[in-house]
Amino acid sequence: MSKDPVCGMDVQEEGAPSFEYQGTTYYFCCDACKKSFSESPEKYVNQEGHSGHEHHHHGHDHHHH
């Protein structure tokens, strides 16, 4: 189980969209989160906790079934 660095959801790695950045593979709940991350990974990486972190909602809810 990984945590989506964009929305913070727990993600099952198998079959999930993924993106490698600086030698680490990140997993995402959906392609929209992966796209947000791939466009500006530094925004989501190297942060201690989530202080000052803005959540950018990308038009879908995170209630996957």
Protein backbone atom coordinates (compact mmCIF):
# COMPACT_ATOMS: atom_id res chain seq x y z
CA MET A 1 0.00 0.00 0.00
CA SER A 2 1.34 3.43 -0.95
CA LYS A 3 0.07 6.91 -0.33
CA ASP A 4 -0.88 9.10 -3.29
CA PRO A 5 1.43 12.13 -2.88
CA VAL A 6 -1.13 14.39 -4.56
CA CYS A 7 -4.37 13.65 -2.70
CA GLY A 8 -3.08 11.58 0.23
CA MET A 9 -5.22 8.53 -0.49
CA ASP A 10 -3.95 5.03 0.20
CA VAL A 11 -3.29 3.33 -3.14
CA GLN A 12 -2.91 -0.34 -4.00
CA GLU A 13 0.24 -0.37 -6.15
CA GLU A 14 -0.89 -3.19 -8.43
CA GLY A 15 -2.39 -1.70 -11.56
CA ALA A 16 -2.20 1.87 -10.23
CA PRO A 17 -0.79 4.72 -12.31
CA SER A 18 2.82 5.28 -11.27
CA PHE A 19 5.58 7.78 -11.91
CA GLU A 20 9.27 7.56 -11.07
CA TYR A 21 10.98 10.65 -9.71
CA GLN A 22 14.54 10.85 -8.37
CA GLY A 23 14.75 7.07 -8.12
CA THR A 24 11.49 6.67 -6.18
CA THR A 25 8.31 5.28 -7.70
CA TYR A 26 5.13 7.07 -6.65
CA TYR A 27 1.68 5.55 -7.07
CA PHE A 28 -1.57 7.40 -7.72
CA CYS A 29 -5.28 6.72 -7.31
CA CYS A 30 -5.99 8.01 -10.82
CA ASP A 31 -4.35 9.48 -13.91
CA ALA A 32 -5.37 13.02 -12.94
CA CYS A 33 -3.26 12.79 -9.76
CA LYS A 34 -0.38 11.30 -11.74
CA LYS A 35 -0.61 14.16 -14.25
CA SER A 36 -0.57 16.78 -11.48
CA PHE A 37 2.50 15.12 -9.97
CA SER A 38 4.37 14.69 -13.25
CA GLU A 39 3.87 18.36 -14.12
CA SER A 40 5.43 19.59 -10.87
CA PRO A 41 6.78 16.76 -8.70
CA GLU A 42 8.83 19.12 -6.52
CA LYS A 43 5.53 20.52 -5.23
CA TYR A 44 4.64 17.13 -3.70
CA VAL A 45 8.04 15.73 -2.75
CA ASN A 46 10.49 16.75 -0.01
CA GLN A 47 7.88 18.15 2.32
CA GLU A 48 7.80 17.47 6.01
CA GLY A 49 4.18 16.81 6.86
CA HIS A 50 1.65 18.86 4.95
CA SER A 51 2.12 22.29 6.46
CA GLY A 52 1.50 24.97 3.86
CA HIS A 53 0.50 22.32 1.32
CA GLU A 54 -2.41 23.30 -0.87
CA HIS A 55 -4.76 20.65 -2.12
CA HIS A 56 -5.66 21.15 -5.74
CA HIS A 57 -8.90 19.43 -6.48
CA HIS A 58 -9.03 18.11 -9.97
CA GLY A 59 -12.67 17.52 -10.60
CA HIS A 60 -13.29 14.04 -9.27
CA ASP A 61 -14.07 12.73 -5.85
CA HIS A 62 -11.91 10.08 -4.24
CA HIS A 63 -14.59 7.54 -3.45
CA HIS A 64 -13.29 4.75 -5.67
CA HIS A 65 -15.11 1.43 -5.49
